[in-house]
Amino acid sequence: MNKAQAEGIVKERVLREPSHCALIEGATQEFEKCFAVYVQSQEYIDSGDSTDMLIGLGPVLVAKTTGEVYETGSAYPTEHYVAAFEACGDPFGEPTAAIALVGLSKNVEKASAIKHLNGITGLGTGSAKAQIESVIGGEEVVISLTDEESVAAVIKAFSAMGILSRQVWKIRG
């Protein structure tokens, strides 16, 4: 899908006739898994006067693979909605205090990874070893942390040990 196709989908599915809104020309942004298409009142587009703006409109995300449309709001910046969508398929998803160990990079430091997993989860050495061996064997392992603030540091530490990981996101609903 390209930008013009994404904008066409928004015109067809969001800006149905009669509509007092229109696309903001030249504002559509492309991301890895979606396009962010911006709409606003036609009055604002014509006048540029902020008193003609509709409040609460955020980007309309269009999934590149399916063409599915997600209307967002103005509570968060575009990057928040896009990060959520690209992480879990839902622009309203929320990050959790869990990470998924998902694979390996070139040089795995198995002993260090076991020790690190033991330290952050309180698992016994045998259980931590079994979890790391599961990842090495191609399985995804999800671990819960005590707080969301430590997620980035734990992901970085595992990465340095050759274990690929990502934050787990909660889908709304």
Protein backbone atom coordinates (compact mmCIF):
# COMPACT_ATOMS: atom_id res chain seq x y z
CA MET A 1 0.00 0.00 0.00
CA ASN A 2 1.19 3.51 -0.72
CA LYS A 3 0.30 6.94 0.67
CA ALA A 4 -2.30 7.69 -2.01
CA GLN A 5 -4.07 4.39 -1.37
CA ALA A 6 -4.12 5.06 2.39
CA GLU A 7 -5.57 8.52 1.82
CA GLY A 8 -8.18 7.03 -0.53
CA ILE A 9 -9.22 4.56 2.17
CA VAL A 10 -9.67 7.39 4.67
CA LYS A 11 -11.72 9.40 2.17
CA GLU A 12 -13.92 6.37 1.50
CA ARG A 13 -14.37 5.08 5.06
CA VAL A 14 -13.98 8.12 7.31
CA LEU A 15 -14.89 11.16 5.21
CA ARG A 16 -18.19 9.88 3.89
CA GLU A 17 -20.57 12.34 2.26
CA PRO A 18 -21.71 14.70 3.50
CA SER A 19 -18.64 15.55 5.53
CA HIS A 20 -17.45 18.85 6.87
CA CYS A 21 -13.93 17.39 7.18
CA ALA A 22 -11.21 16.86 4.62
CA LEU A 23 -7.68 15.50 4.38
CA ILE A 24 -4.89 17.84 5.35
CA GLU A 25 -2.89 17.74 2.12
CA GLY A 26 0.77 16.81 2.47
CA ALA A 27 0.46 15.81 6.13
CA THR A 28 0.21 12.01 5.76
CA GLN A 29 3.11 10.19 7.38
CA GLU A 30 4.42 6.72 6.58
CA PHE A 31 5.57 4.33 9.30
CA GLU A 32 6.72 0.73 9.20
CA LYS A 33 3.28 -0.88 9.56
CA CYS A 34 0.85 1.96 8.94
CA PHE A 35 0.14 5.39 7.54
CA ALA A 36 -1.01 8.29 9.74
CA VAL A 37 -3.52 10.35 7.76
CA TYR A 38 -4.67 13.68 9.14
CA VAL A 39 -8.10 15.22 8.73
CA GLN A 40 -9.58 18.49 9.93
CA SER A 41 -12.59 20.66 9.27
CA GLN A 42 -12.79 22.07 5.77
CA GLU A 43 -13.33 25.48 7.33
CA TYR A 44 -9.97 25.31 9.10
CA ILE A 45 -8.19 24.02 5.99
CA ASP A 46 -9.62 26.95 4.00
CA SER A 47 -9.09 29.68 6.59
CA GLY A 48 -6.10 28.54 8.68
CA ASP A 49 -7.92 30.12 11.62
CA SER A 50 -7.51 27.99 14.75
CA THR A 51 -11.04 28.87 15.88
CA ASP A 52 -12.29 26.81 12.92
CA MET A 53 -10.42 23.67 14.09
CA LEU A 54 -12.29 20.66 15.37
CA ILE A 55 -10.94 19.64 18.76
CA GLY A 56 -10.13 16.03 19.57
CA LEU A 57 -9.17 14.82 16.11
CA GLY A 58 -6.05 12.73 15.96
CA PRO A 59 -4.43 10.83 13.14
CA VAL A 60 -6.35 8.14 11.31
CA LEU A 61 -4.08 5.09 11.13
CA VAL A 62 -4.34 2.82 8.09
CA ALA A 63 -2.73 -0.62 8.40
CA LYS A 64 -0.46 -1.25 5.42
CA THR A 65 -1.20 -4.97 5.16
CA THR A 66 -4.98 -4.96 5.61
CA GLY A 67 -6.20 -1.41 4.95
CA GLU A 68 -7.95 -1.49 8.32
CA VAL A 69 -8.72 1.99 9.67
CA TYR A 70 -8.19 3.18 13.25
CA GLU A 71 -9.51 6.59 14.25
CA THR A 72 -7.52 7.97 17.17
CA GLY A 73 -7.83 11.16 19.18
CA SER A 74 -5.76 14.04 20.42
CA ALA A 75 -4.95 12.68 23.90
CA TYR A 76 -1.50 11.50 22.77
CA PRO A 77 0.96 12.47 20.05
CA THR A 78 0.91 10.51 16.81
CA GLU A 79 4.06 8.63 17.84
CA HIS A 80 2.26 7.13 20.85
CA TYR A 81 -0.58 5.72 18.74
CA VAL A 82 1.85 4.45 16.10
CA ALA A 83 4.12 2.80 18.69
CA ALA A 84 1.14 1.04 20.23
CA PHE A 85 -0.18 -0.06 16.83
CA GLU A 86 3.19 -1.34 15.69
CA ALA A 87 3.77 -3.15 18.99
CA CYS A 88 0.41 -4.88 19.37
CA GLY A 89 -1.86 -4.02 16.44
CA ASP A 90 -3.99 -1.63 18.51
CA PRO A 91 -3.32 2.14 18.62
CA PHE A 92 -4.98 2.22 22.05
CA GLY A 93 -2.84 -0.61 23.43
CA GLU A 94 -0.94 -0.02 26.65
CA PRO A 95 2.57 -1.13 27.55
CA THR A 96 2.91 -3.60 30.43
CA ALA A 97 5.63 -4.54 32.90
CA ALA A 98 6.30 -7.75 31.00
CA ILE A 99 8.79 -8.64 28.30
CA ALA A 100 8.88 -11.44 25.79
CA LEU A 101 12.19 -13.14 25.13
CA VAL A 102 11.76 -13.81 21.42
CA GLY A 103 15.01 -14.95 19.86
CA LEU A 104 18.75 -14.83 19.61
CA SER A 105 21.38 -12.62 18.09
CA LYS A 106 24.83 -13.86 17.07
CA ASN A 107 26.66 -14.39 20.35
CA VAL A 108 24.50 -15.71 23.17
CA GLU A 109 25.95 -15.46 26.65
CA LYS A 110 23.85 -18.27 28.12
CA ALA A 111 25.32 -18.22 31.63
CA SER A 112 24.95 -14.44 31.93
CA ALA A 113 21.37 -14.59 30.64
CA ILE A 114 20.47 -17.29 33.17
CA LYS A 115 22.01 -15.28 36.00
CA HIS A 116 20.23 -12.10 34.85
CA LEU A 117 16.85 -13.85 34.56
CA ASN A 118 17.36 -15.37 38.02
CA GLY A 119 18.14 -11.94 39.46
CA ILE A 120 15.19 -10.06 37.97
CA THR A 121 12.52 -12.71 38.53
CA GLY A 122 13.64 -14.60 41.61
CA LEU A 123 13.40 -17.87 39.69
CA GLY A 124 15.69 -20.60 40.87
CA THR A 125 18.75 -21.28 38.75
CA GLY A 126 17.20 -24.45 37.29
CA SER A 127 14.00 -22.65 36.29
CA ALA A 128 15.91 -19.69 34.83
CA LYS A 129 18.12 -22.10 32.87
CA ALA A 130 15.04 -23.91 31.50
CA GLN A 131 13.51 -20.59 30.39
CA ILE A 132 16.70 -19.47 28.59
CA GLU A 133 17.07 -22.89 26.97
CA SER A 134 13.47 -22.59 25.74
CA VAL A 135 14.38 -19.30 24.04
CA ILE A 136 17.50 -20.88 22.56
CA GLY A 137 15.25 -23.70 21.31
CA GLY A 138 13.05 -21.21 19.44
CA GLU A 139 10.22 -20.67 21.92
CA GLU A 140 8.97 -17.29 23.08
CA VAL A 141 9.11 -16.83 26.85
CA VAL A 142 7.20 -14.06 28.63
CA ILE A 143 8.45 -12.79 31.98
CA SER A 144 6.79 -10.32 34.31
CA LEU A 145 8.80 -7.56 35.92
CA THR A 146 7.95 -5.63 39.06
CA ASP A 147 7.51 -2.29 37.29
CA GLU A 148 7.14 -0.87 33.81
CA GLU A 149 10.02 1.58 34.31
CA SER A 150 12.58 -1.26 34.35
CA VAL A 151 11.46 -2.77 31.03
CA ALA A 152 13.83 -0.79 28.78
CA ALA A 153 16.86 -1.56 30.96
CA VAL A 154 16.04 -5.28 31.08
CA ILE A 155 15.57 -5.42 27.30
CA LYS A 156 18.91 -3.65 26.82
CA ALA A 157 20.66 -6.03 29.23
CA PHE A 158 19.27 -9.12 27.51
CA SER A 159 20.27 -7.67 24.14
CA ALA A 160 23.86 -7.29 25.35
CA MET A 161 23.75 -11.02 26.23
CA GLY A 162 22.46 -12.01 22.79
CA ILE A 163 18.81 -12.49 23.76
CA LEU A 164 16.29 -10.54 21.66
CA SER A 165 13.29 -9.27 23.58
CA ARG A 166 10.42 -6.82 23.35
CA GLN A 167 7.93 -5.21 25.68
CA VAL A 168 4.53 -6.90 25.91
CA TRP A 169 1.55 -4.63 25.24
CA LYS A 170 -2.01 -5.05 26.48
CA ILE A 171 -4.69 -4.76 23.82
CA ARG A 172 -7.75 -2.77 24.85
CA GLY A 173 -10.98 -4.58 25.35
